[in-house]
């Protein structure tokens, strides 16, 4: 397991690239009684998010995916291949 930590904000250019890439990944959402909507990323099954509305859930999801991508890029990890939105 990699125990390196990122203890500063992401580089702006790197996070912009990660945010752009995040738009390509497929997310699934479903209605939730307490949270409004919950979702996950198909290509990154450990990335979960929620929001009171579908729009908020998607926005939260794209941000969670972007943070995951930016972290992976900084650590030199290979990104999951986009399966559905190419």
N, C-alpha and C. Protein backbone atom coordinates (compact mmCIF):
# COMPACT_ATOMS: atom_id res chain seq x y z
N UNK A 1 0.84 -1.19 0.00
CA UNK A 1 0.00 0.00 0.00
C UNK A 1 0.88 1.25 0.00
N UNK A 2 0.46 2.25 -0.74
CA UNK A 2 1.19 3.49 -0.86
C UNK A 2 0.76 4.42 0.27
N UNK A 3 1.70 4.82 1.13
CA UNK A 3 1.33 5.67 2.26
C UNK A 3 1.76 7.12 2.08
N UNK A 4 2.09 7.49 0.83
CA UNK A 4 2.41 8.89 0.58
C UNK A 4 1.16 9.74 0.75
N UNK A 5 1.35 10.96 1.24
CA UNK A 5 0.21 11.84 1.48
C UNK A 5 0.37 13.12 0.65
N UNK A 6 -0.75 13.63 0.22
CA UNK A 6 -0.77 14.92 -0.47
C UNK A 6 -1.28 15.93 0.55
N UNK A 7 -0.40 16.83 0.97
CA UNK A 7 -0.73 17.73 2.07
C UNK A 7 -0.81 19.19 1.62
N UNK A 8 -1.24 19.37 0.38
CA UNK A 8 -1.36 20.73 -0.17
C UNK A 8 -2.43 20.70 -1.25
N UNK A 9 -2.89 21.87 -1.66
CA UNK A 9 -3.88 21.89 -2.76
C UNK A 9 -3.25 21.33 -4.05
N UNK A 10 -4.10 20.83 -4.92
CA UNK A 10 -3.63 20.36 -6.22
C UNK A 10 -3.17 21.54 -7.06
N UNK A 11 -2.20 21.29 -7.92
CA UNK A 11 -1.79 22.26 -8.92
C UNK A 11 -3.03 22.59 -9.77
N UNK A 12 -3.25 23.86 -10.08
CA UNK A 12 -4.46 24.28 -10.79
C UNK A 12 -4.58 23.63 -12.17
N UNK A 13 -3.49 23.55 -12.90
CA UNK A 13 -3.53 22.94 -14.24
C UNK A 13 -3.83 21.45 -14.15
N UNK A 14 -3.21 20.78 -13.18
CA UNK A 14 -3.45 19.35 -12.99
C UNK A 14 -4.92 19.10 -12.63
N UNK A 15 -5.47 19.93 -11.73
CA UNK A 15 -6.86 19.73 -11.33
C UNK A 15 -7.82 20.05 -12.47
N UNK A 16 -7.48 21.02 -13.31
CA UNK A 16 -8.31 21.32 -14.48
C UNK A 16 -8.34 20.11 -15.41
N UNK A 17 -7.18 19.51 -15.65
CA UNK A 17 -7.10 18.32 -16.50
C UNK A 17 -7.91 17.18 -15.87
N UNK A 18 -7.77 16.98 -14.55
CA UNK A 18 -8.52 15.93 -13.86
C UNK A 18 -10.02 16.20 -13.95
N UNK A 19 -10.44 17.44 -13.81
CA UNK A 19 -11.86 17.79 -13.90
C UNK A 19 -12.41 17.53 -15.30
N UNK A 20 -11.61 17.84 -16.31
CA UNK A 20 -12.03 17.57 -17.69
C UNK A 20 -12.17 16.06 -17.92
N UNK A 21 -11.22 15.29 -17.44
CA UNK A 21 -11.29 13.83 -17.57
C UNK A 21 -12.47 13.26 -16.81
N UNK A 22 -12.79 13.83 -15.67
CA UNK A 22 -13.89 13.33 -14.83
C UNK A 22 -15.22 13.35 -15.56
N UNK A 23 -15.36 14.24 -16.52
CA UNK A 23 -16.61 14.35 -17.28
C UNK A 23 -16.85 13.12 -18.16
N UNK A 24 -15.80 12.37 -18.45
CA UNK A 24 -15.90 11.23 -19.37
C UNK A 24 -16.34 9.94 -18.68
N UNK A 25 -16.21 9.88 -17.36
CA UNK A 25 -16.53 8.65 -16.64
C UNK A 25 -18.03 8.52 -16.39
N UNK A 26 -18.51 7.29 -16.43
CA UNK A 26 -19.93 7.01 -16.25
C UNK A 26 -20.29 6.96 -14.77
N UNK A 27 -21.35 7.68 -14.41
CA UNK A 27 -21.85 7.61 -13.04
C UNK A 27 -23.26 7.03 -13.05
N UNK A 28 -23.57 6.34 -12.00
CA UNK A 28 -24.92 5.80 -11.79
C UNK A 28 -25.48 6.44 -10.53
N UNK A 29 -26.75 6.84 -10.58
CA UNK A 29 -27.38 7.46 -9.43
C UNK A 29 -28.72 6.78 -9.17
N UNK A 30 -29.11 6.79 -7.90
CA UNK A 30 -30.44 6.29 -7.55
C UNK A 30 -30.99 7.12 -6.40
N UNK A 31 -32.30 7.15 -6.32
CA UNK A 31 -33.00 7.89 -5.27
C UNK A 31 -32.71 7.23 -3.93
N UNK A 32 -32.54 8.06 -2.89
CA UNK A 32 -32.28 7.59 -1.54
C UNK A 32 -33.24 8.32 -0.60
N UNK A 33 -33.85 7.58 0.32
CA UNK A 33 -34.86 8.15 1.22
C UNK A 33 -34.34 9.31 2.06
N UNK A 34 -33.14 9.20 2.61
CA UNK A 34 -32.62 10.25 3.49
C UNK A 34 -31.73 11.27 2.78
N UNK A 35 -30.93 10.82 1.83
CA UNK A 35 -29.92 11.68 1.23
C UNK A 35 -30.36 12.38 -0.05
N UNK A 36 -31.48 11.98 -0.60
CA UNK A 36 -31.93 12.54 -1.88
C UNK A 36 -31.52 11.60 -2.99
N UNK A 37 -30.23 11.65 -3.38
CA UNK A 37 -29.68 10.77 -4.41
C UNK A 37 -28.29 10.31 -3.97
N UNK A 38 -27.95 9.09 -4.32
CA UNK A 38 -26.60 8.56 -4.09
C UNK A 38 -26.08 8.05 -5.42
N UNK A 39 -24.77 8.07 -5.58
CA UNK A 39 -24.21 7.61 -6.83
C UNK A 39 -22.83 7.01 -6.66
N UNK A 40 -22.39 6.38 -7.74
CA UNK A 40 -21.04 5.82 -7.80
C UNK A 40 -20.54 5.91 -9.23
N UNK A 41 -19.24 5.74 -9.38
CA UNK A 41 -18.60 5.78 -10.69
C UNK A 41 -18.37 4.35 -11.14
N UNK A 42 -18.84 4.01 -12.33
CA UNK A 42 -18.71 2.64 -12.84
C UNK A 42 -17.24 2.21 -12.93
N UNK A 43 -16.40 3.07 -13.47
CA UNK A 43 -14.99 2.72 -13.68
C UNK A 43 -14.16 2.83 -12.40
N UNK A 44 -14.70 3.49 -11.38
CA UNK A 44 -14.00 3.64 -10.09
C UNK A 44 -14.98 3.24 -8.99
N UNK A 45 -15.16 1.95 -8.76
CA UNK A 45 -16.22 1.47 -7.88
C UNK A 45 -16.10 1.86 -6.41
N UNK A 46 -14.99 2.45 -5.99
CA UNK A 46 -14.88 2.90 -4.61
C UNK A 46 -15.17 4.39 -4.45
N UNK A 47 -15.59 5.05 -5.52
CA UNK A 47 -15.93 6.48 -5.47
C UNK A 47 -17.45 6.60 -5.34
N UNK A 48 -17.88 7.12 -4.20
CA UNK A 48 -19.31 7.30 -3.90
C UNK A 48 -19.59 8.77 -3.63
N UNK A 49 -20.83 9.19 -3.83
CA UNK A 49 -21.20 10.58 -3.62
C UNK A 49 -22.71 10.67 -3.44
N UNK A 50 -23.18 11.86 -3.01
CA UNK A 50 -24.61 12.05 -2.83
C UNK A 50 -24.97 13.51 -3.05
N UNK A 51 -26.25 13.78 -3.10
CA UNK A 51 -26.76 15.14 -3.24
C UNK A 51 -28.26 15.15 -3.06
N UNK A 52 -28.78 16.29 -2.65
CA UNK A 52 -30.22 16.39 -2.42
C UNK A 52 -31.03 16.30 -3.71
N UNK A 53 -30.43 16.73 -4.82
CA UNK A 53 -31.09 16.64 -6.12
C UNK A 53 -30.19 15.85 -7.07
N UNK A 54 -30.75 15.45 -8.21
CA UNK A 54 -29.93 14.75 -9.21
C UNK A 54 -28.75 15.62 -9.66
N UNK A 55 -29.01 16.90 -9.84
CA UNK A 55 -27.97 17.82 -10.30
C UNK A 55 -26.86 17.95 -9.25
N UNK A 56 -27.26 18.08 -7.98
CA UNK A 56 -26.25 18.18 -6.91
C UNK A 56 -25.45 16.89 -6.79
N UNK A 57 -26.12 15.77 -6.96
CA UNK A 57 -25.44 14.47 -6.88
C UNK A 57 -24.43 14.34 -8.01
N UNK A 58 -24.83 14.70 -9.22
CA UNK A 58 -23.90 14.62 -10.34
C UNK A 58 -22.71 15.56 -10.13
N UNK A 59 -22.96 16.78 -9.69
CA UNK A 59 -21.88 17.73 -9.44
C UNK A 59 -20.92 17.19 -8.38
N UNK A 60 -21.47 16.64 -7.29
CA UNK A 60 -20.66 16.05 -6.24
C UNK A 60 -19.84 14.88 -6.78
N UNK A 61 -20.47 14.09 -7.64
CA UNK A 61 -19.79 12.94 -8.24
C UNK A 61 -18.64 13.35 -9.13
N UNK A 62 -18.87 14.33 -9.98
CA UNK A 62 -17.80 14.79 -10.88
C UNK A 62 -16.62 15.34 -10.07
N UNK A 63 -16.92 16.04 -8.99
CA UNK A 63 -15.85 16.56 -8.14
C UNK A 63 -15.10 15.42 -7.45
N UNK A 64 -15.82 14.43 -6.94
CA UNK A 64 -15.18 13.29 -6.29
C UNK A 64 -14.29 12.53 -7.28
N UNK A 65 -14.77 12.37 -8.49
CA UNK A 65 -13.98 11.68 -9.52
C UNK A 65 -12.75 12.51 -9.87
N UNK A 66 -12.91 13.83 -9.99
CA UNK A 66 -11.78 14.70 -10.30
C UNK A 66 -10.71 14.64 -9.21
N UNK A 67 -11.12 14.64 -7.97
CA UNK A 67 -10.16 14.53 -6.85
C UNK A 67 -9.43 13.19 -6.91
N UNK A 68 -10.17 12.13 -7.21
CA UNK A 68 -9.55 10.82 -7.33
C UNK A 68 -8.53 10.79 -8.46
N UNK A 69 -8.92 11.34 -9.61
CA UNK A 69 -8.01 11.38 -10.76
C UNK A 69 -6.78 12.21 -10.45
N UNK A 70 -6.97 13.38 -9.86
CA UNK A 70 -5.83 14.25 -9.54
C UNK A 70 -4.88 13.56 -8.57
N UNK A 71 -5.42 12.87 -7.59
CA UNK A 71 -4.59 12.14 -6.63
C UNK A 71 -3.80 11.05 -7.35
N UNK A 72 -4.49 10.29 -8.20
CA UNK A 72 -3.82 9.23 -8.95
C UNK A 72 -2.72 9.79 -9.85
N UNK A 73 -2.99 10.91 -10.49
CA UNK A 73 -1.99 11.54 -11.36
C UNK A 73 -0.77 11.97 -10.55
N UNK A 74 -1.00 12.59 -9.40
CA UNK A 74 0.13 13.03 -8.58
C UNK A 74 0.96 11.87 -8.06
N UNK A 75 0.32 10.74 -7.81
CA UNK A 75 1.03 9.57 -7.30
C UNK A 75 1.58 8.68 -8.41
N UNK A 76 1.35 9.09 -9.67
CA UNK A 76 1.88 8.35 -10.80
C UNK A 76 1.16 7.04 -11.08
N UNK A 77 -0.09 6.97 -10.69
CA UNK A 77 -0.88 5.75 -10.92
C UNK A 77 -1.60 5.82 -12.26
N UNK A 78 -1.84 4.65 -12.82
CA UNK A 78 -2.57 4.57 -14.08
C UNK A 78 -4.06 4.80 -13.83
N UNK A 79 -4.67 5.62 -14.68
CA UNK A 79 -6.10 5.91 -14.54
C UNK A 79 -6.92 4.78 -15.14
N UNK A 80 -8.11 4.52 -14.58
CA UNK A 80 -8.99 3.52 -15.19
C UNK A 80 -9.40 3.97 -16.58
N UNK A 81 -9.55 3.03 -17.47
CA UNK A 81 -9.99 3.36 -18.83
C UNK A 81 -11.48 3.73 -18.80
N UNK A 82 -11.83 4.73 -19.58
CA UNK A 82 -13.23 5.12 -19.73
C UNK A 82 -13.91 4.04 -20.56
N UNK A 83 -14.97 3.45 -20.02
CA UNK A 83 -15.61 2.32 -20.69
C UNK A 83 -16.81 2.71 -21.56
N UNK A 84 -17.56 3.71 -21.16
CA UNK A 84 -18.87 3.93 -21.78
C UNK A 84 -19.05 5.27 -22.48
N UNK A 85 -18.33 6.28 -22.12
CA UNK A 85 -18.61 7.64 -22.63
C UNK A 85 -17.64 8.10 -23.71
N UNK A 86 -16.96 7.19 -24.36
CA UNK A 86 -15.99 7.62 -25.38
C UNK A 86 -16.68 7.97 -26.67
